[in-house]
Amino acid sequence: MTRDGEVRPRDAEGPRADGREPRAVEARELLAGGREVIILHRGERYRLRVTQHDKLILTK
């Protein structure tokens, strides 16, 4: 979290090569009240799920 309270992904601590900040999305928005969601990327399916210890796991 930045000093002004903005939440940033851990691997995105600064601007990208084009100078813009990466977009941050709340996990609860992606999960829409559920515990897992399927993410489609380049024709592949990835599963993002919340563990019983409230951690996120992304699997192919």
N, C-alpha and C. Protein backbone atom coordinates (compact mmCIF):
# COMPACT_ATOMS: atom_id res chain seq x y z
N MET A 1 0.84 -1.17 0.00
CA MET A 1 0.00 0.00 0.00
C MET A 1 0.89 1.24 0.00
N THR A 2 0.49 2.21 -0.76
CA THR A 2 1.25 3.45 -0.82
C THR A 2 0.87 4.35 0.35
N ARG A 3 1.60 5.42 0.51
CA ARG A 3 1.32 6.35 1.61
C ARG A 3 -0.07 6.96 1.54
N ASP A 4 -0.56 7.15 0.31
CA ASP A 4 -1.89 7.75 0.17
C ASP A 4 -3.01 6.72 0.24
N GLY A 5 -2.67 5.45 0.60
CA GLY A 5 -3.68 4.42 0.79
C GLY A 5 -4.00 3.61 -0.45
N GLU A 6 -3.37 3.93 -1.57
CA GLU A 6 -3.61 3.18 -2.80
C GLU A 6 -3.00 1.79 -2.66
N VAL A 7 -3.74 0.79 -3.10
CA VAL A 7 -3.24 -0.58 -3.05
C VAL A 7 -2.66 -0.92 -4.41
N ARG A 8 -1.45 -1.45 -4.41
CA ARG A 8 -0.80 -1.87 -5.66
C ARG A 8 -0.45 -3.34 -5.57
N PRO A 9 -0.49 -4.04 -6.71
CA PRO A 9 0.00 -5.42 -6.70
C PRO A 9 1.47 -5.44 -6.30
N ARG A 10 1.89 -6.49 -5.61
CA ARG A 10 3.25 -6.57 -5.08
C ARG A 10 4.31 -6.47 -6.18
N ASP A 11 4.04 -7.06 -7.36
CA ASP A 11 5.05 -7.05 -8.42
C ASP A 11 4.96 -5.79 -9.29
N ALA A 12 4.11 -4.87 -8.94
CA ALA A 12 3.93 -3.67 -9.75
C ALA A 12 4.18 -2.43 -8.89
N GLU A 13 5.39 -2.31 -8.40
CA GLU A 13 5.71 -1.22 -7.49
C GLU A 13 6.02 0.09 -8.19
N GLY A 14 6.00 0.11 -9.49
CA GLY A 14 6.28 1.36 -10.19
C GLY A 14 5.62 1.38 -11.55
N PRO A 15 5.83 2.46 -12.28
CA PRO A 15 5.22 2.56 -13.60
C PRO A 15 5.79 1.53 -14.57
N ARG A 16 4.99 1.21 -15.56
CA ARG A 16 5.45 0.29 -16.60
C ARG A 16 6.41 1.03 -17.52
N ALA A 17 6.95 0.33 -18.49
CA ALA A 17 7.90 0.94 -19.42
C ALA A 17 7.28 2.13 -20.16
N ASP A 18 5.96 2.09 -20.37
CA ASP A 18 5.31 3.20 -21.07
C ASP A 18 4.98 4.36 -20.12
N GLY A 19 5.35 4.23 -18.81
CA GLY A 19 5.16 5.31 -17.86
C GLY A 19 3.83 5.29 -17.14
N ARG A 20 2.91 4.39 -17.54
CA ARG A 20 1.60 4.34 -16.89
C ARG A 20 1.62 3.34 -15.73
N GLU A 21 0.79 3.59 -14.74
CA GLU A 21 0.65 2.67 -13.62
C GLU A 21 -0.20 1.48 -14.07
N PRO A 22 0.14 0.27 -13.62
CA PRO A 22 -0.71 -0.88 -13.94
C PRO A 22 -2.06 -0.75 -13.22
N ARG A 23 -3.09 -1.29 -13.82
CA ARG A 23 -4.43 -1.24 -13.24
C ARG A 23 -4.50 -2.22 -12.07
N ALA A 24 -5.04 -1.81 -10.95
CA ALA A 24 -5.24 -2.67 -9.78
C ALA A 24 -6.70 -3.06 -9.71
N VAL A 25 -6.96 -4.33 -9.47
CA VAL A 25 -8.32 -4.85 -9.38
C VAL A 25 -8.45 -5.59 -8.06
N GLU A 26 -9.49 -5.31 -7.31
CA GLU A 26 -9.74 -6.03 -6.07
C GLU A 26 -10.13 -7.47 -6.39
N ALA A 27 -9.55 -8.41 -5.67
CA ALA A 27 -9.86 -9.82 -5.89
C ALA A 27 -11.35 -10.09 -5.73
N ARG A 28 -11.98 -9.43 -4.78
CA ARG A 28 -13.41 -9.67 -4.57
C ARG A 28 -14.24 -9.26 -5.78
N GLU A 29 -13.74 -8.29 -6.57
CA GLU A 29 -14.44 -7.92 -7.80
C GLU A 29 -14.34 -9.05 -8.83
N LEU A 30 -13.15 -9.64 -8.94
CA LEU A 30 -12.97 -10.75 -9.88
C LEU A 30 -13.79 -11.97 -9.46
N LEU A 31 -13.80 -12.25 -8.17
CA LEU A 31 -14.46 -13.44 -7.65
C LEU A 31 -15.98 -13.27 -7.53
N ALA A 32 -16.45 -12.04 -7.52
CA ALA A 32 -17.89 -11.73 -7.48
C ALA A 32 -18.64 -12.53 -6.41
N GLY A 33 -18.08 -12.55 -5.20
CA GLY A 33 -18.75 -13.23 -4.10
C GLY A 33 -18.47 -14.71 -3.99
N GLY A 34 -17.79 -15.28 -4.97
CA GLY A 34 -17.48 -16.70 -4.95
C GLY A 34 -16.09 -16.97 -4.40
N ARG A 35 -15.66 -18.21 -4.48
CA ARG A 35 -14.34 -18.60 -3.99
C ARG A 35 -13.39 -18.91 -5.15
N GLU A 36 -13.92 -18.97 -6.38
CA GLU A 36 -13.04 -19.20 -7.53
C GLU A 36 -13.65 -18.63 -8.79
N VAL A 37 -12.78 -18.39 -9.75
CA VAL A 37 -13.20 -17.85 -11.04
C VAL A 37 -12.28 -18.45 -12.10
N ILE A 38 -12.82 -18.66 -13.29
CA ILE A 38 -12.02 -19.12 -14.42
C ILE A 38 -11.63 -17.89 -15.24
N ILE A 39 -10.34 -17.79 -15.53
CA ILE A 39 -9.81 -16.69 -16.34
C ILE A 39 -9.36 -17.27 -17.67
N LEU A 40 -9.87 -16.71 -18.77
CA LEU A 40 -9.48 -17.16 -20.11
C LEU A 40 -8.38 -16.25 -20.62
N HIS A 41 -7.29 -16.88 -21.08
CA HIS A 41 -6.16 -16.12 -21.62
C HIS A 41 -5.56 -16.89 -22.78
N ARG A 42 -5.63 -16.29 -23.97
CA ARG A 42 -5.08 -16.89 -25.19
C ARG A 42 -5.58 -18.32 -25.41
N GLY A 43 -6.87 -18.52 -25.18
CA GLY A 43 -7.47 -19.82 -25.41
C GLY A 43 -7.23 -20.84 -24.30
N GLU A 44 -6.52 -20.45 -23.26
CA GLU A 44 -6.24 -21.34 -22.12
C GLU A 44 -7.12 -20.94 -20.95
N ARG A 45 -7.45 -21.91 -20.11
CA ARG A 45 -8.27 -21.67 -18.91
C ARG A 45 -7.38 -21.71 -17.68
N TYR A 46 -7.50 -20.69 -16.86
CA TYR A 46 -6.78 -20.61 -15.59
C TYR A 46 -7.81 -20.48 -14.47
N ARG A 47 -7.55 -21.12 -13.34
CA ARG A 47 -8.45 -21.06 -12.20
C ARG A 47 -7.80 -20.22 -11.09
N LEU A 48 -8.48 -19.16 -10.69
CA LEU A 48 -8.05 -18.35 -9.56
C LEU A 48 -8.96 -18.70 -8.40
N ARG A 49 -8.39 -19.17 -7.29
CA ARG A 49 -9.24 -19.56 -6.17
C ARG A 49 -8.66 -19.05 -4.86
N VAL A 50 -9.54 -18.93 -3.89
CA VAL A 50 -9.18 -18.52 -2.55
C VAL A 50 -9.07 -19.77 -1.70
N THR A 51 -7.95 -19.94 -1.00
CA THR A 51 -7.75 -21.11 -0.15
C THR A 51 -8.47 -20.93 1.18
N GLN A 52 -8.47 -22.00 1.97
CA GLN A 52 -9.09 -21.92 3.29
C GLN A 52 -8.32 -20.98 4.23
N HIS A 53 -7.08 -20.64 3.85
CA HIS A 53 -6.28 -19.69 4.63
C HIS A 53 -6.32 -18.29 4.04
N ASP A 54 -7.29 -18.06 3.13
CA ASP A 54 -7.53 -16.76 2.51
C ASP A 54 -6.35 -16.27 1.65
N LYS A 55 -5.67 -17.20 0.99
CA LYS A 55 -4.61 -16.89 0.03
C LYS A 55 -5.16 -17.14 -1.36
N LEU A 56 -4.56 -16.48 -2.36
CA LEU A 56 -4.96 -16.69 -3.75
C LEU A 56 -4.01 -17.66 -4.43
N ILE A 57 -4.59 -18.58 -5.21
CA ILE A 57 -3.80 -19.51 -6.01
C ILE A 57 -4.32 -19.47 -7.44
N LEU A 58 -3.39 -19.31 -8.39
CA LEU A 58 -3.72 -19.33 -9.82
C LEU A 58 -3.12 -20.59 -10.40
N THR A 59 -3.96 -21.44 -10.98
CA THR A 59 -3.48 -22.69 -11.60
C THR A 59 -3.99 -22.77 -13.03
N LYS A 60 -3.26 -23.54 -13.83
CA LYS A 60 -3.66 -23.75 -15.22
C LYS A 60 -4.45 -25.03 -15.31
